[in-house]
């Protein structure tokens, strides 16, 4: 959902609904870089990330990214992230917060 700014904006209402209704969600990414960028978006939305990492179901066939011959090939679904609901309140406040 992060490939470009237009896609992020298009996904925003869906991501907020998934978060607000506490729906367990599982997304795959084509690279570790995409996973890291997706983490940034999910953390900005204060989502609780339950698990992430290399996918056991990654493609066995490398493919060019967006038909660009200058980029290295990637394996579809090579990484995943699982999230559900909001971060716990203590994570939002940070260490040493006054209650």
C-alpha atoms as a PDB file:
ATOM      1  CA  UNK A   1       0.000   0.000   0.000  1.00  0.00           C
ATOM      2  CA  UNK A   2       2.984   2.339  -0.117  1.00  0.00           C
ATOM      3  CA  UNK A   3       4.290   2.172  -3.685  1.00  0.00           C
ATOM      4  CA  UNK A   4       3.467   5.832  -4.266  1.00  0.00           C
ATOM      5  CA  UNK A   5       1.692   8.669  -2.506  1.00  0.00           C
ATOM      6  CA  UNK A   6      -1.561   8.068  -4.402  1.00  0.00           C
ATOM      7  CA  UNK A   7      -1.722   4.467  -3.223  1.00  0.00           C
ATOM      8  CA  UNK A   8      -1.117   5.438   0.400  1.00  0.00           C
ATOM      9  CA  UNK A   9      -3.953   7.933   0.246  1.00  0.00           C
ATOM     10  CA  UNK A  10      -6.195   5.321  -1.378  1.00  0.00           C
ATOM     11  CA  UNK A  11      -5.401   2.752   1.341  1.00  0.00           C
ATOM     12  CA  UNK A  12      -5.764   5.156   4.270  1.00  0.00           C
ATOM     13  CA  UNK A  13      -9.536   4.707   4.846  1.00  0.00           C
ATOM     14  CA  UNK A  14      -9.155   0.912   4.691  1.00  0.00           C
ATOM     15  CA  UNK A  15      -6.185   0.885   7.068  1.00  0.00           C
ATOM     16  CA  UNK A  16      -8.059   3.072   9.544  1.00  0.00           C
ATOM     17  CA  UNK A  17     -11.110   0.774   9.418  1.00  0.00           C
ATOM     18  CA  UNK A  18      -8.920  -2.297   9.954  1.00  0.00           C
ATOM     19  CA  UNK A  19      -7.330  -0.561  12.944  1.00  0.00           C
ATOM     20  CA  UNK A  20     -10.502   0.890  14.462  1.00  0.00           C
ATOM     21  CA  UNK A  21     -12.483  -2.360  14.175  1.00  0.00           C
ATOM     22  CA  UNK A  22      -9.532  -4.357  15.565  1.00  0.00           C
ATOM     23  CA  UNK A  23      -9.447  -6.671  12.522  1.00  0.00           C
ATOM     24  CA  UNK A  24      -6.420  -8.983  12.309  1.00  0.00           C
ATOM     25  CA  UNK A  25      -4.671  -8.203   9.014  1.00  0.00           C
ATOM     26  CA  UNK A  26      -1.869  -9.857   7.060  1.00  0.00           C
ATOM     27  CA  UNK A  27      -0.093  -8.091   4.193  1.00  0.00           C
ATOM     28  CA  UNK A  28       2.805  -9.304   2.064  1.00  0.00           C
ATOM     29  CA  UNK A  29       5.573  -7.167   0.592  1.00  0.00           C
ATOM     30  CA  UNK A  30       8.004  -7.723  -2.276  1.00  0.00           C
ATOM     31  CA  UNK A  31      11.151  -6.634  -0.428  1.00  0.00           C
ATOM     32  CA  UNK A  32      12.602  -5.792   2.964  1.00  0.00           C
ATOM     33  CA  UNK A  33      12.712  -2.125   1.921  1.00  0.00           C
ATOM     34  CA  UNK A  34       8.954  -2.170   1.253  1.00  0.00           C
ATOM     35  CA  UNK A  35       8.440  -3.814   4.650  1.00  0.00           C
ATOM     36  CA  UNK A  36      10.419  -1.059   6.411  1.00  0.00           C
ATOM     37  CA  UNK A  37       8.471   1.675   4.629  1.00  0.00           C
ATOM     38  CA  UNK A  38       5.193  -0.057   5.488  1.00  0.00           C
ATOM     39  CA  UNK A  39       6.266  -0.152   9.167  1.00  0.00           C
ATOM     40  CA  UNK A  40       6.648   3.632   9.084  1.00  0.00           C
ATOM     41  CA  UNK A  41       3.117   4.064   7.766  1.00  0.00           C
ATOM     42  CA  UNK A  42       1.606   1.603  10.246  1.00  0.00           C
ATOM     43  CA  UNK A  43       3.408   3.183  13.197  1.00  0.00           C
ATOM     44  CA  UNK A  44       2.283   6.668  12.129  1.00  0.00           C
ATOM     45  CA  UNK A  45      -1.256   5.267  12.235  1.00  0.00           C
ATOM     46  CA  UNK A  46      -0.499   3.913  15.751  1.00  0.00           C
ATOM     47  CA  UNK A  47      -1.189   0.337  14.694  1.00  0.00           C
ATOM     48  CA  UNK A  48      -0.167  -2.624  16.807  1.00  0.00           C
ATOM     49  CA  UNK A  49       2.213  -4.757  14.742  1.00  0.00           C
ATOM     50  CA  UNK A  50       1.908  -8.346  15.909  1.00  0.00           C
ATOM     51  CA  UNK A  51       4.517 -10.040  13.703  1.00  0.00           C
ATOM     52  CA  UNK A  52       6.650  -9.519  10.611  1.00  0.00           C
ATOM     53  CA  UNK A  53       9.595 -10.963   8.758  1.00  0.00           C
ATOM     54  CA  UNK A  54      10.602 -13.114   5.803  1.00  0.00           C
ATOM     55  CA  UNK A  55       7.658 -15.019   4.356  1.00  0.00           C
ATOM     56  CA  UNK A  56       7.729 -18.815   4.257  1.00  0.00           C
ATOM     57  CA  UNK A  57       5.553 -18.568   1.123  1.00  0.00           C
ATOM     58  CA  UNK A  58       7.830 -16.358  -0.976  1.00  0.00           C
ATOM     59  CA  UNK A  59       7.846 -16.751  -4.733  1.00  0.00           C
ATOM     60  CA  UNK A  60      10.562 -18.980  -6.152  1.00  0.00           C
ATOM     61  CA  UNK A  61      10.792 -16.919  -9.343  1.00  0.00           C
ATOM     62  CA  UNK A  62      12.573 -13.536  -9.328  1.00  0.00           C
ATOM     63  CA  UNK A  63      10.816 -10.705 -11.172  1.00  0.00           C
ATOM     64  CA  UNK A  64      11.760  -7.184 -12.256  1.00  0.00           C
ATOM     65  CA  UNK A  65      10.319  -4.405 -10.112  1.00  0.00           C
ATOM     66  CA  UNK A  66       7.704  -2.476 -12.089  1.00  0.00           C
ATOM     67  CA  UNK A  67       9.351  -3.580 -15.356  1.00  0.00           C
ATOM     68  CA  UNK A  68      12.458  -1.490 -14.585  1.00  0.00           C
ATOM     69  CA  UNK A  69      15.618  -3.221 -15.850  1.00  0.00           C
ATOM     70  CA  UNK A  70      17.868  -1.039 -13.644  1.00  0.00           C
ATOM     71  CA  UNK A  71      16.530  -2.456 -10.377  1.00  0.00           C
ATOM     72  CA  UNK A  72      17.493  -5.864  -9.004  1.00  0.00           C
ATOM     73  CA  UNK A  73      14.903  -8.633  -9.307  1.00  0.00           C
ATOM     74  CA  UNK A  74      12.653  -9.308  -6.309  1.00  0.00           C
ATOM     75  CA  UNK A  75      10.688 -12.316  -5.082  1.00  0.00           C
ATOM     76  CA  UNK A  76       6.961 -11.651  -4.731  1.00  0.00           C
ATOM     77  CA  UNK A  77       5.585 -11.999  -1.217  1.00  0.00           C
ATOM     78  CA  UNK A  78       9.112 -12.197   0.229  1.00  0.00           C
ATOM     79  CA  UNK A  79       8.140 -10.442   3.509  1.00  0.00           C
ATOM     80  CA  UNK A  80       4.991 -10.035   5.573  1.00  0.00           C
ATOM     81  CA  UNK A  81       3.516  -7.926   8.336  1.00  0.00           C
ATOM     82  CA  UNK A  82       0.613  -8.843  10.604  1.00  0.00           C
ATOM     83  CA  UNK A  83      -1.178  -6.111  12.560  1.00  0.00           C
ATOM     84  CA  UNK A  84      -4.304  -5.682  14.644  1.00  0.00           C
ATOM     85  CA  UNK A  85      -5.822  -2.662  16.360  1.00  0.00           C
ATOM     86  CA  UNK A  86      -4.155   0.229  18.150  1.00  0.00           C
ATOM     87  CA  UNK A  87      -0.864   0.243  20.001  1.00  0.00           C
ATOM     88  CA  UNK A  88      -1.368  -0.299  23.737  1.00  0.00           C
ATOM     89  CA  UNK A  89      -1.701   3.038  25.568  1.00  0.00           C
ATOM     90  CA  UNK A  90       1.636   2.659  27.402  1.00  0.00           C
ATOM     91  CA  UNK A  91       3.415   2.329  24.013  1.00  0.00           C
ATOM     92  CA  UNK A  92       1.776   5.543  22.813  1.00  0.00           C
ATOM     93  CA  UNK A  93       2.865   7.504  25.892  1.00  0.00           C
ATOM     94  CA  UNK A  94       6.479   6.311  25.839  1.00  0.00           C
ATOM     95  CA  UNK A  95       8.794   5.645  28.776  1.00  0.00           C
ATOM     96  CA  UNK A  96       8.576   7.976  31.755  1.00  0.00           C
ATOM     97  CA  UNK A  97       5.203   9.452  30.830  1.00  0.00           C
ATOM     98  CA  UNK A  98       3.184  10.992  33.649  1.00  0.00           C
ATOM     99  CA  UNK A  99      -0.295   9.515  34.126  1.00  0.00           C
END
